[in-house]
PDB file of N, CA and C in Angstrom:
ATOM      1  N   UNK A   1      -4.639   5.796   9.219  1.00  0.00           N
ATOM      2  CA  UNK A   1      -5.617   6.518   8.439  1.00  0.00           C
ATOM      3  C   UNK A   1      -4.928   7.363   7.361  1.00  0.00           C
ATOM      4  N   UNK A   2      -3.830   8.009   7.706  1.00  0.00           N
ATOM      5  CA  UNK A   2      -3.129   8.871   6.731  1.00  0.00           C
ATOM      6  C   UNK A   2      -2.650   8.063   5.523  1.00  0.00           C
ATOM      7  N   UNK A   3      -2.177   6.843   5.763  1.00  0.00           N
ATOM      8  CA  UNK A   3      -1.713   6.010   4.658  1.00  0.00           C
ATOM      9  C   UNK A   3      -2.880   5.606   3.757  1.00  0.00           C
ATOM     10  N   UNK A   4      -4.021   5.279   4.351  1.00  0.00           N
ATOM     11  CA  UNK A   4      -5.218   4.944   3.562  1.00  0.00           C
ATOM     12  C   UNK A   4      -5.643   6.145   2.721  1.00  0.00           C
ATOM     13  N   UNK A   5      -5.585   7.331   3.280  1.00  0.00           N
ATOM     14  CA  UNK A   5      -5.946   8.541   2.534  1.00  0.00           C
ATOM     15  C   UNK A   5      -4.975   8.782   1.386  1.00  0.00           C
ATOM     16  N   UNK A   6      -3.688   8.559   1.633  1.00  0.00           N
ATOM     17  CA  UNK A   6      -2.691   8.739   0.572  1.00  0.00           C
ATOM     18  C   UNK A   6      -2.943   7.758  -0.582  1.00  0.00           C
ATOM     19  N   UNK A   7      -3.214   6.505  -0.230  1.00  0.00           N
ATOM     20  CA  UNK A   7      -3.501   5.490  -1.253  1.00  0.00           C
ATOM     21  C   UNK A   7      -4.745   5.877  -2.041  1.00  0.00           C
ATOM     22  N   UNK A   8      -5.806   6.277  -1.339  1.00  0.00           N
ATOM     23  CA  UNK A   8      -7.063   6.651  -1.999  1.00  0.00           C
ATOM     24  C   UNK A   8      -6.869   7.848  -2.932  1.00  0.00           C
ATOM     25  N   UNK A   9      -6.127   8.850  -2.487  1.00  0.00           N
ATOM     26  CA  UNK A   9      -5.879  10.016  -3.343  1.00  0.00           C
ATOM     27  C   UNK A   9      -5.103   9.636  -4.595  1.00  0.00           C
ATOM     28  N   UNK A  10      -4.117   8.758  -4.444  1.00  0.00           N
ATOM     29  CA  UNK A  10      -3.358   8.308  -5.624  1.00  0.00           C
ATOM     30  C   UNK A  10      -4.259   7.588  -6.610  1.00  0.00           C
ATOM     31  N   UNK A  11      -5.120   6.724  -6.111  1.00  0.00           N
ATOM     32  CA  UNK A  11      -6.048   6.004  -6.990  1.00  0.00           C
ATOM     33  C   UNK A  11      -7.028   6.990  -7.626  1.00  0.00           C
ATOM     34  N   UNK A  12      -7.561   7.917  -6.822  1.00  0.00           N
ATOM     35  CA  UNK A  12      -8.493   8.910  -7.343  1.00  0.00           C
ATOM     36  C   UNK A  12      -7.887   9.798  -8.411  1.00  0.00           C
ATOM     37  N   UNK A  13      -6.618  10.142  -8.268  1.00  0.00           N
ATOM     38  CA  UNK A  13      -5.943  11.013  -9.237  1.00  0.00           C
ATOM     39  C   UNK A  13      -5.664  10.313 -10.555  1.00  0.00           C
ATOM     40  N   UNK A  14      -5.412   9.007 -10.488  1.00  0.00           N
ATOM     41  CA  UNK A  14      -5.107   8.278 -11.721  1.00  0.00           C
ATOM     42  C   UNK A  14      -6.360   7.715 -12.375  1.00  0.00           C
ATOM     43  N   UNK A  15      -7.454   7.577 -11.612  1.00  0.00           N
ATOM     44  CA  UNK A  15      -8.691   7.038 -12.168  1.00  0.00           C
ATOM     45  C   UNK A  15      -8.608   5.540 -12.333  1.00  0.00           C
ATOM     46  N   UNK A  16      -8.053   5.089 -13.420  1.00  0.00           N
ATOM     47  CA  UNK A  16      -7.933   3.668 -13.659  1.00  0.00           C
ATOM     48  C   UNK A  16      -8.225   3.319 -15.099  1.00  0.00           C
ATOM     49  N   UNK A  17      -8.295   2.031 -15.356  1.00  0.00           N
ATOM     50  CA  UNK A  17      -8.502   1.539 -16.714  1.00  0.00           C
ATOM     51  C   UNK A  17      -9.810   2.043 -17.304  1.00  0.00           C
ATOM     52  N   UNK A  18     -10.877   2.004 -16.533  1.00  0.00           N
ATOM     53  CA  UNK A  18     -12.184   2.349 -17.079  1.00  0.00           C
ATOM     54  C   UNK A  18     -12.744   3.672 -16.559  1.00  0.00           C
ATOM     55  N   UNK A  19     -11.940   4.417 -15.773  1.00  0.00           N
ATOM     56  CA  UNK A  19     -12.403   5.686 -15.218  1.00  0.00           C
ATOM     57  C   UNK A  19     -11.335   6.739 -15.455  1.00  0.00           C
ATOM     58  N   UNK A  20     -11.758   7.880 -15.968  1.00  0.00           N
ATOM     59  CA  UNK A  20     -10.853   8.984 -16.279  1.00  0.00           C
ATOM     60  C   UNK A  20     -11.077  10.104 -15.264  1.00  0.00           C
ATOM     61  N   UNK A  21     -10.012  10.620 -14.681  1.00  0.00           N
ATOM     62  CA  UNK A  21     -10.105  11.739 -13.751  1.00  0.00           C
ATOM     63  C   UNK A  21     -10.198  13.035 -14.536  1.00  0.00           C
ATOM     64  N   UNK A  22     -11.142  13.888 -14.155  1.00  0.00           N
ATOM     65  CA  UNK A  22     -11.292  15.181 -14.819  1.00  0.00           C
ATOM     66  C   UNK A  22     -11.136  16.338 -13.847  1.00  0.00           C
ATOM     67  N   UNK A  23     -10.643  16.074 -12.649  1.00  0.00           N
ATOM     68  CA  UNK A  23     -10.468  17.112 -11.628  1.00  0.00           C
ATOM     69  C   UNK A  23      -9.004  17.359 -11.369  1.00  0.00           C
ATOM     70  N   UNK A  24      -8.663  18.623 -11.249  1.00  0.00           N
ATOM     71  CA  UNK A  24      -7.305  18.934 -10.815  1.00  0.00           C
ATOM     72  C   UNK A  24      -7.259  18.952  -9.285  1.00  0.00           C
ATOM     73  N   UNK A  25      -8.397  19.185  -8.660  1.00  0.00           N
ATOM     74  CA  UNK A  25      -8.483  19.222  -7.199  1.00  0.00           C
ATOM     75  C   UNK A  25      -9.396  18.096  -6.722  1.00  0.00           C
ATOM     76  N   UNK A  26      -8.835  17.172  -5.956  1.00  0.00           N
ATOM     77  CA  UNK A  26      -9.615  16.075  -5.390  1.00  0.00           C
ATOM     78  C   UNK A  26      -9.559  16.219  -3.876  1.00  0.00           C
ATOM     79  N   UNK A  27     -10.725  16.133  -3.238  1.00  0.00           N
ATOM     80  CA  UNK A  27     -10.806  16.300  -1.790  1.00  0.00           C
ATOM     81  C   UNK A  27     -11.245  15.005  -1.131  1.00  0.00           C
ATOM     82  N   UNK A  28     -10.722  14.771   0.068  1.00  0.00           N
ATOM     83  CA  UNK A  28     -11.189  13.651   0.885  1.00  0.00           C
ATOM     84  C   UNK A  28     -12.412  14.134   1.653  1.00  0.00           C
ATOM     85  N   UNK A  29     -13.536  13.445   1.494  1.00  0.00           N
ATOM     86  CA  UNK A  29     -14.762  13.796   2.216  1.00  0.00           C
ATOM     87  C   UNK A  29     -14.798  13.081   3.564  1.00  0.00           C
ATOM     88  N   UNK A  30     -14.491  11.780   3.540  1.00  0.00           N
ATOM     89  CA  UNK A  30     -14.522  11.018   4.789  1.00  0.00           C
ATOM     90  C   UNK A  30     -13.618   9.809   4.686  1.00  0.00           C
ATOM     91  N   UNK A  31     -13.168   9.346   5.846  1.00  0.00           N
ATOM     92  CA  UNK A  31     -12.367   8.134   5.956  1.00  0.00           C
ATOM     93  C   UNK A  31     -12.897   7.366   7.161  1.00  0.00           C
ATOM     94  N   UNK A  32     -13.374   6.149   6.919  1.00  0.00           N
ATOM     95  CA  UNK A  32     -13.955   5.345   8.001  1.00  0.00           C
ATOM     96  C   UNK A  32     -13.314   3.970   8.029  1.00  0.00           C
ATOM     97  N   UNK A  33     -13.140   3.435   9.223  1.00  0.00           N
ATOM     98  CA  UNK A  33     -12.689   2.056   9.401  1.00  0.00           C
ATOM     99  C   UNK A  33     -13.932   1.236   9.732  1.00  0.00           C
ATOM    100  N   UNK A  34     -14.365   0.395   8.781  1.00  0.00           N
ATOM    101  CA  UNK A  34     -15.621  -0.340   8.925  1.00  0.00           C
ATOM    102  C   UNK A  34     -15.429  -1.795   8.467  1.00  0.00           C
ATOM    103  N   UNK A  35     -16.343  -2.698   8.860  1.00  0.00           N
ATOM    104  CA  UNK A  35     -16.280  -4.071   8.345  1.00  0.00           C
ATOM    105  C   UNK A  35     -16.564  -4.097   6.835  1.00  0.00           C
ATOM    106  N   UNK A  36     -15.917  -5.001   6.136  1.00  0.00           N
ATOM    107  CA  UNK A  36     -16.101  -5.131   4.695  1.00  0.00           C
ATOM    108  C   UNK A  36     -17.572  -5.255   4.323  1.00  0.00           C
ATOM    109  N   UNK A  37     -18.350  -6.006   5.117  1.00  0.00           N
ATOM    110  CA  UNK A  37     -19.763  -6.223   4.780  1.00  0.00           C
ATOM    111  C   UNK A  37     -20.575  -4.929   4.830  1.00  0.00           C
ATOM    112  N   UNK A  38     -20.074  -3.886   5.495  1.00  0.00           N
ATOM    113  CA  UNK A  38     -20.764  -2.598   5.542  1.00  0.00           C
ATOM    114  C   UNK A  38     -20.285  -1.638   4.464  1.00  0.00           C
ATOM    115  N   UNK A  39     -19.188  -1.991   3.812  1.00  0.00           N
ATOM    116  CA  UNK A  39     -18.663  -1.164   2.724  1.00  0.00           C
ATOM    117  C   UNK A  39     -19.524  -1.380   1.491  1.00  0.00           C
ATOM    118  N   UNK A  40     -19.224  -0.660   0.446  1.00  0.00           N
ATOM    119  CA  UNK A  40     -19.997  -0.810  -0.791  1.00  0.00           C
ATOM    120  C   UNK A  40     -19.731  -2.184  -1.383  1.00  0.00           C
ATOM    121  N   UNK A  41     -20.680  -3.071  -1.208  1.00  0.00           N
ATOM    122  CA  UNK A  41     -20.579  -4.427  -1.752  1.00  0.00           C
ATOM    123  C   UNK A  41     -21.910  -4.714  -2.450  1.00  0.00           C
ATOM    124  N   UNK A  42     -21.882  -5.146  -3.706  1.00  0.00           N
ATOM    125  CA  UNK A  42     -23.145  -5.425  -4.403  1.00  0.00           C
ATOM    126  C   UNK A  42     -24.038  -6.381  -3.607  1.00  0.00           C
ATOM    127  N   UNK A  43     -25.337  -6.179  -3.694  1.00  0.00           N
ATOM    128  CA  UNK A  43     -26.305  -6.991  -2.948  1.00  0.00           C
ATOM    129  C   UNK A  43     -26.178  -8.480  -3.228  1.00  0.00           C
ATOM    130  N   UNK A  44     -25.805  -8.827  -4.456  1.00  0.00           N
ATOM    131  CA  UNK A  44     -25.743 -10.242  -4.827  1.00  0.00           C
ATOM    132  C   UNK A  44     -24.349 -10.842  -4.594  1.00  0.00           C
ATOM    133  N   UNK A  45     -23.457 -10.101  -3.913  1.00  0.00           N
ATOM    134  CA  UNK A  45     -22.102 -10.587  -3.673  1.00  0.00           C
ATOM    135  C   UNK A  45     -22.131 -11.755  -2.684  1.00  0.00           C
ATOM    136  N   UNK A  46     -21.433 -12.821  -3.030  1.00  0.00           N
ATOM    137  CA  UNK A  46     -21.287 -13.973  -2.143  1.00  0.00           C
ATOM    138  C   UNK A  46     -19.839 -13.989  -1.680  1.00  0.00           C
ATOM    139  N   UNK A  47     -19.624 -13.904  -0.366  1.00  0.00           N
ATOM    140  CA  UNK A  47     -18.269 -13.936   0.160  1.00  0.00           C
ATOM    141  C   UNK A  47     -17.688 -15.331  -0.036  1.00  0.00           C
ATOM    142  N   UNK A  48     -16.495 -15.382  -0.599  1.00  0.00           N
ATOM    143  CA  UNK A  48     -15.844 -16.652  -0.887  1.00  0.00           C
ATOM    144  C   UNK A  48     -15.025 -17.101   0.326  1.00  0.00           C
ATOM    145  N   UNK A  49     -14.674 -18.395   0.388  1.00  0.00           N
ATOM    146  CA  UNK A  49     -13.832 -18.852   1.492  1.00  0.00           C
ATOM    147  C   UNK A  49     -12.545 -18.021   1.544  1.00  0.00           C
ATOM    148  N   UNK A  50     -12.168 -17.597   2.720  1.00  0.00           N
ATOM    149  CA  UNK A  50     -10.991 -16.763   2.879  1.00  0.00           C
ATOM    150  C   UNK A  50     -11.283 -15.274   2.809  1.00  0.00           C
ATOM    151  N   UNK A  51     -12.474 -14.923   2.374  1.00  0.00           N
ATOM    152  CA  UNK A  51     -12.887 -13.515   2.311  1.00  0.00           C
ATOM    153  C   UNK A  51     -13.759 -13.251   3.532  1.00  0.00           C
ATOM    154  N   UNK A  52     -13.229 -12.546   4.489  1.00  0.00           N
ATOM    155  CA  UNK A  52     -13.904 -12.320   5.767  1.00  0.00           C
ATOM    156  C   UNK A  52     -14.798 -11.083   5.697  1.00  0.00           C
ATOM    157  N   UNK A  53     -16.119 -11.256   5.759  1.00  0.00           N
ATOM    158  CA  UNK A  53     -17.017 -10.097   5.700  1.00  0.00           C
ATOM    159  C   UNK A  53     -16.862  -9.162   6.895  1.00  0.00           C
ATOM    160  N   UNK A  54     -16.245  -9.653   7.982  1.00  0.00           N
ATOM    161  CA  UNK A  54     -16.036  -8.824   9.167  1.00  0.00           C
ATOM    162  C   UNK A  54     -14.658  -8.176   9.210  1.00  0.00           C
ATOM    163  N   UNK A  55     -13.832  -8.425   8.200  1.00  0.00           N
ATOM    164  CA  UNK A  55     -12.499  -7.815   8.153  1.00  0.00           C
ATOM    165  C   UNK A  55     -12.639  -6.301   8.070  1.00  0.00           C
ATOM    166  N   UNK A  56     -11.799  -5.596   8.800  1.00  0.00           N
ATOM    167  CA  UNK A  56     -11.864  -4.138   8.792  1.00  0.00           C
ATOM    168  C   UNK A  56     -11.192  -3.575   7.543  1.00  0.00           C
ATOM    169  N   UNK A  57     -11.866  -2.622   6.932  1.00  0.00           N
ATOM    170  CA  UNK A  57     -11.357  -1.957   5.732  1.00  0.00           C
ATOM    171  C   UNK A  57     -11.466  -0.447   5.915  1.00  0.00           C
ATOM    172  N   UNK A  58     -10.612   0.264   5.198  1.00  0.00           N
ATOM    173  CA  UNK A  58     -10.727   1.717   5.138  1.00  0.00           C
ATOM    174  C   UNK A  58     -11.669   2.044   3.987  1.00  0.00           C
ATOM    175  N   UNK A  59     -12.693   2.823   4.283  1.00  0.00           N
ATOM    176  CA  UNK A  59     -13.674   3.262   3.292  1.00  0.00           C
ATOM    177  C   UNK A  59     -13.455   4.760   3.125  1.00  0.00           C
ATOM    178  N   UNK A  60     -12.875   5.145   1.993  1.00  0.00           N
ATOM    179  CA  UNK A  60     -12.509   6.539   1.769  1.00  0.00           C
ATOM    180  C   UNK A  60     -13.369   7.106   0.639  1.00  0.00           C
ATOM    181  N   UNK A  61     -14.040   8.231   0.928  1.00  0.00           N
ATOM    182  CA  UNK A  61     -14.864   8.919  -0.084  1.00  0.00           C
ATOM    183  C   UNK A  61     -14.142  10.176  -0.541  1.00  0.00           C
ATOM    184  N   UNK A  62     -14.067  10.340  -1.861  1.00  0.00           N
ATOM    185  CA  UNK A  62     -13.405  11.487  -2.465  1.00  0.00           C
ATOM    186  C   UNK A  62     -14.419  12.313  -3.246  1.00  0.00           C
ATOM    187  N   UNK A  63     -14.121  13.597  -3.396  1.00  0.00           N
ATOM    188  CA  UNK A  63     -14.960  14.476  -4.212  1.00  0.00           C
ATOM    189  C   UNK A  63     -14.083  15.112  -5.285  1.00  0.00           C
ATOM    190  N   UNK A  64     -14.589  15.070  -6.520  1.00  0.00           N
ATOM    191  CA  UNK A  64     -13.885  15.622  -7.677  1.00  0.00           C
ATOM    192  C   UNK A  64     -14.757  15.393  -8.893  1.00  0.00           C
ATOM    193  N   UNK A  65     -14.168  15.090 -10.030  1.00  0.00           N
ATOM    194  CA  UNK A  65     -14.931  14.725 -11.223  1.00  0.00           C
ATOM    195  C   UNK A  65     -14.253  13.553 -11.919  1.00  0.00           C
ATOM    196  N   UNK A  66     -15.046  12.528 -12.193  1.00  0.00           N
ATOM    197  CA  UNK A  66     -14.569  11.333 -12.893  1.00  0.00           C
ATOM    198  C   UNK A  66     -15.574  10.975 -13.973  1.00  0.00           C
ATOM    199  N   UNK A  67     -15.074  10.412 -15.060  1.00  0.00           N
ATOM    200  CA  UNK A  67     -15.925  10.040 -16.187  1.00  0.00           C
ATOM    201  C   UNK A  67     -15.522   8.656 -16.683  1.00  0.00           C
ATOM    202  N   UNK A  68     -16.476   7.956 -17.290  1.00  0.00           N
ATOM    203  CA  UNK A  68     -16.204   6.655 -17.890  1.00  0.00           C
ATOM    204  C   UNK A  68     -15.050   6.803 -18.871  1.00  0.00           C
ATOM    205  N   UNK A  69     -14.054   5.947 -18.745  1.00  0.00           N
ATOM    206  CA  UNK A  69     -12.863   6.063 -19.573  1.00  0.00           C
ATOM    207  C   UNK A  69     -12.865   5.222 -20.831  1.00  0.00           C
ATOM    208  N   UNK A  70     -13.890   4.380 -21.014  1.00  0.00           N
ATOM    209  CA  UNK A  70     -13.935   3.563 -22.222  1.00  0.00           C
ATOM    210  C   UNK A  70     -14.347   4.415 -23.417  1.00  0.00           C
ATOM    211  N   UNK A  71     -13.651   4.288 -24.527  1.00  0.00           N
ATOM    212  CA  UNK A  71     -14.081   5.021 -25.723  1.00  0.00           C
ATOM    213  C   UNK A  71     -15.447   4.502 -26.181  1.00  0.00           C
ATOM    214  N   UNK A  72     -16.336   5.411 -26.509  1.00  0.00           N
ATOM    215  CA  UNK A  72     -17.683   5.043 -26.947  1.00  0.00           C
ATOM    216  C   UNK A  72     -17.860   5.413 -28.416  1.00  0.00           C
ATOM    217  N   UNK A  73     -18.658   4.627 -29.155  1.00  0.00           N
ATOM    218  CA  UNK A  73     -18.965   5.008 -30.532  1.00  0.00           C
ATOM    219  C   UNK A  73     -19.638   6.385 -30.548  1.00  0.00           C
ATOM    220  N   UNK A  74     -19.440   7.117 -31.614  1.00  0.00           N
ATOM    221  CA  UNK A  74     -19.951   8.494 -31.683  1.00  0.00           C
ATOM    222  C   UNK A  74     -21.466   8.584 -31.607  1.00  0.00           C
ATOM    223  N   UNK A  75     -22.182   7.518 -31.923  1.00  0.00           N
ATOM    224  CA  UNK A  75     -23.650   7.575 -31.859  1.00  0.00           C
ATOM    225  C   UNK A  75     -24.189   7.506 -30.427  1.00  0.00           C
ATOM    226  N   UNK A  76     -23.329   7.190 -29.460  1.00  0.00           N
ATOM    227  CA  UNK A  76     -23.750   7.139 -28.060  1.00  0.00           C
ATOM    228  C   UNK A  76     -23.414   8.458 -27.372  1.00  0.00           C
ATOM    229  N   UNK A  77     -24.305   8.911 -26.486  1.00  0.00           N
ATOM    230  CA  UNK A  77     -24.004  10.159 -25.777  1.00  0.00           C
ATOM    231  C   UNK A  77     -22.832   9.970 -24.812  1.00  0.00           C
ATOM    232  N   UNK A  78     -22.122  11.049 -24.568  1.00  0.00           N
ATOM    233  CA  UNK A  78     -21.012  11.013 -23.611  1.00  0.00           C
ATOM    234  C   UNK A  78     -21.580  10.862 -22.214  1.00  0.00           C
ATOM    235  N   UNK A  79     -20.941  10.024 -21.407  1.00  0.00           N
ATOM    236  CA  UNK A  79     -21.435   9.809 -20.047  1.00  0.00           C
ATOM    237  C   UNK A  79     -21.247  11.073 -19.214  1.00  0.00           C
ATOM    238  N   UNK A  80     -22.134  11.247 -18.231  1.00  0.00           N
ATOM    239  CA  UNK A  80     -22.015  12.383 -17.330  1.00  0.00           C
ATOM    240  C   UNK A  80     -20.876  12.140 -16.356  1.00  0.00           C
ATOM    241  N   UNK A  81     -20.193  13.217 -16.000  1.00  0.00           N
ATOM    242  CA  UNK A  81     -19.123  13.100 -15.007  1.00  0.00           C
ATOM    243  C   UNK A  81     -19.743  12.822 -13.638  1.00  0.00           C
ATOM    244  N   UNK A  82     -19.090  11.976 -12.865  1.00  0.00           N
ATOM    245  CA  UNK A  82     -19.531  11.661 -11.509  1.00  0.00           C
ATOM    246  C   UNK A  82     -18.702  12.471 -10.521  1.00  0.00           C
ATOM    247  N   UNK A  83     -19.347  12.959  -9.473  1.00  0.00           N
ATOM    248  CA  UNK A  83     -18.701  13.857  -8.523  1.00  0.00           C
ATOM    249  C   UNK A  83     -18.027  13.115  -7.358  1.00  0.00           C
ATOM    250  N   UNK A  84     -18.410  11.878  -7.117  1.00  0.00           N
ATOM    251  CA  UNK A  84     -17.878  11.154  -5.959  1.00  0.00           C
ATOM    252  C   UNK A  84     -17.188   9.864  -6.384  1.00  0.00           C
ATOM    253  N   UNK A  85     -16.183   9.481  -5.611  1.00  0.00           N
ATOM    254  CA  UNK A  85     -15.375   8.300  -5.899  1.00  0.00           C
ATOM    255  C   UNK A  85     -15.086   7.628  -4.562  1.00  0.00           C
ATOM    256  N   UNK A  86     -15.216   6.318  -4.510  1.00  0.00           N
ATOM    257  CA  UNK A  86     -14.911   5.599  -3.267  1.00  0.00           C
ATOM    258  C   UNK A  86     -13.720   4.671  -3.495  1.00  0.00           C
ATOM    259  N   UNK A  87     -12.957   4.476  -2.432  1.00  0.00           N
ATOM    260  CA  UNK A  87     -11.843   3.531  -2.452  1.00  0.00           C
ATOM    261  C   UNK A  87     -11.946   2.707  -1.174  1.00  0.00           C
ATOM    262  N   UNK A  88     -11.942   1.387  -1.317  1.00  0.00           N
ATOM    263  CA  UNK A  88     -11.975   0.477  -0.174  1.00  0.00           C
ATOM    264  C   UNK A  88     -10.621  -0.213  -0.106  1.00  0.00           C
ATOM    265  N   UNK A  89      -9.984  -0.112   1.073  1.00  0.00           N
ATOM    266  CA  UNK A  89      -8.609  -0.571   1.241  1.00  0.00           C
ATOM    267  C   UNK A  89      -8.528  -1.557   2.405  1.00  0.00           C
ATOM    268  N   UNK A  90      -7.826  -2.655   2.197  1.00  0.00           N
ATOM    269  CA  UNK A  90      -7.589  -3.629   3.259  1.00  0.00           C
ATOM    270  C   UNK A  90      -6.789  -2.939   4.366  1.00  0.00           C
ATOM    271  N   UNK A  91      -7.328  -2.923   5.584  1.00  0.00           N
ATOM    272  CA  UNK A  91      -6.679  -2.179   6.673  1.00  0.00           C
ATOM    273  C   UNK A  91      -5.393  -2.845   7.160  1.00  0.00           C
ATOM    274  N   UNK A  92      -5.227  -4.136   6.905  1.00  0.00           N
ATOM    275  CA  UNK A  92      -4.024  -4.831   7.350  1.00  0.00           C
ATOM    276  C   UNK A  92      -2.889  -4.740   6.342  1.00  0.00           C
ATOM    277  N   UNK A  93      -3.219  -4.864   5.058  1.00  0.00           N
ATOM    278  CA  UNK A  93      -2.172  -4.909   4.033  1.00  0.00           C
ATOM    279  C   UNK A  93      -1.989  -3.595   3.281  1.00  0.00           C
ATOM    280  N   UNK A  94      -3.023  -2.751   3.281  1.00  0.00           N
ATOM    281  CA  UNK A  94      -2.971  -1.515   2.496  1.00  0.00           C
ATOM    282  C   UNK A  94      -3.301  -1.734   1.034  1.00  0.00           C
ATOM    283  N   UNK A  95      -3.717  -2.954   0.689  1.00  0.00           N
ATOM    284  CA  UNK A  95      -4.068  -3.252  -0.702  1.00  0.00           C
ATOM    285  C   UNK A  95      -5.461  -2.736  -1.026  1.00  0.00           C
ATOM    286  N   UNK A  96      -5.629  -2.077  -2.182  1.00  0.00           N
ATOM    287  CA  UNK A  96      -6.964  -1.658  -2.603  1.00  0.00           C
ATOM    288  C   UNK A  96      -7.828  -2.883  -2.891  1.00  0.00           C
ATOM    289  N   UNK A  97      -9.077  -2.837  -2.439  1.00  0.00           N
ATOM    290  CA  UNK A  97     -10.028  -3.918  -2.677  1.00  0.00           C
ATOM    291  C   UNK A  97     -10.968  -3.533  -3.807  1.00  0.00           C
ATOM    292  N   UNK A  98     -11.423  -2.283  -3.793  1.00  0.00           N
ATOM    293  CA  UNK A  98     -12.402  -1.821  -4.765  1.00  0.00           C
ATOM    294  C   UNK A  98     -12.292  -0.309  -4.875  1.00  0.00           C
ATOM    295  N   UNK A  99     -12.488   0.204  -6.076  1.00  0.00           N
ATOM    296  CA  UNK A  99     -12.580   1.647  -6.261  1.00  0.00           C
ATOM    297  C   UNK A  99     -13.519   1.924  -7.415  1.00  0.00           C
ATOM    298  N   UNK A 100     -14.175   3.058  -7.355  1.00  0.00           N
ATOM    299  CA  UNK A 100     -15.066   3.436  -8.441  1.00  0.00           C
ATOM    300  C   UNK A 100     -15.904   4.636  -8.080  1.00  0.00           C
ATOM    301  N   UNK A 101     -16.640   5.124  -9.076  1.00  0.00           N
ATOM    302  CA  UNK A 101     -17.481   6.294  -8.863  1.00  0.00           C
ATOM    303  C   UNK A 101     -18.689   5.922  -8.030  1.00  0.00           C
ATOM    304  N   UNK A 102     -19.251   6.926  -7.385  1.00  0.00           N
ATOM    305  CA  UNK A 102     -20.412   6.733  -6.519  1.00  0.00           C
ATOM    306  C   UNK A 102     -21.359   7.915  -6.725  1.00  0.00           C
ATOM    307  N   UNK A 103     -22.650   7.683  -6.572  1.00  0.00           N
ATOM    308  CA  UNK A 103     -23.600   8.788  -6.760  1.00  0.00           C
ATOM    309  C   UNK A 103     -23.727   9.647  -5.505  1.00  0.00           C
ATOM    310  N   UNK A 104     -23.223   9.166  -4.372  1.00  0.00           N
ATOM    311  CA  UNK A 104     -23.254   9.970  -3.135  1.00  0.00           C
ATOM    312  C   UNK A 104     -21.919   9.951  -2.447  1.00  0.00           C
TER     313      UNK A 104
END
């Protein structure tokens, strides 16, 4: 669990290509070991061969501030900062599967 939290915090602190971190303080809200199919997966997602929906993943929720990192034309309003960020990590390999902002 500690390694999953460390990975999630590193991802949360750097944001990513399309997400900018705006918090100096990021907190871990929860860390759960759950099946991939129970993690945040879009409703229309189709599991591909080799992708096990029952595989256990670390689901880590962070609290801080993140904003869309893509530059927007000046005529568009600036996106609102999001307070929550999730990171889903393969429990066997430690590889990140998905990360992004969340409304809860």
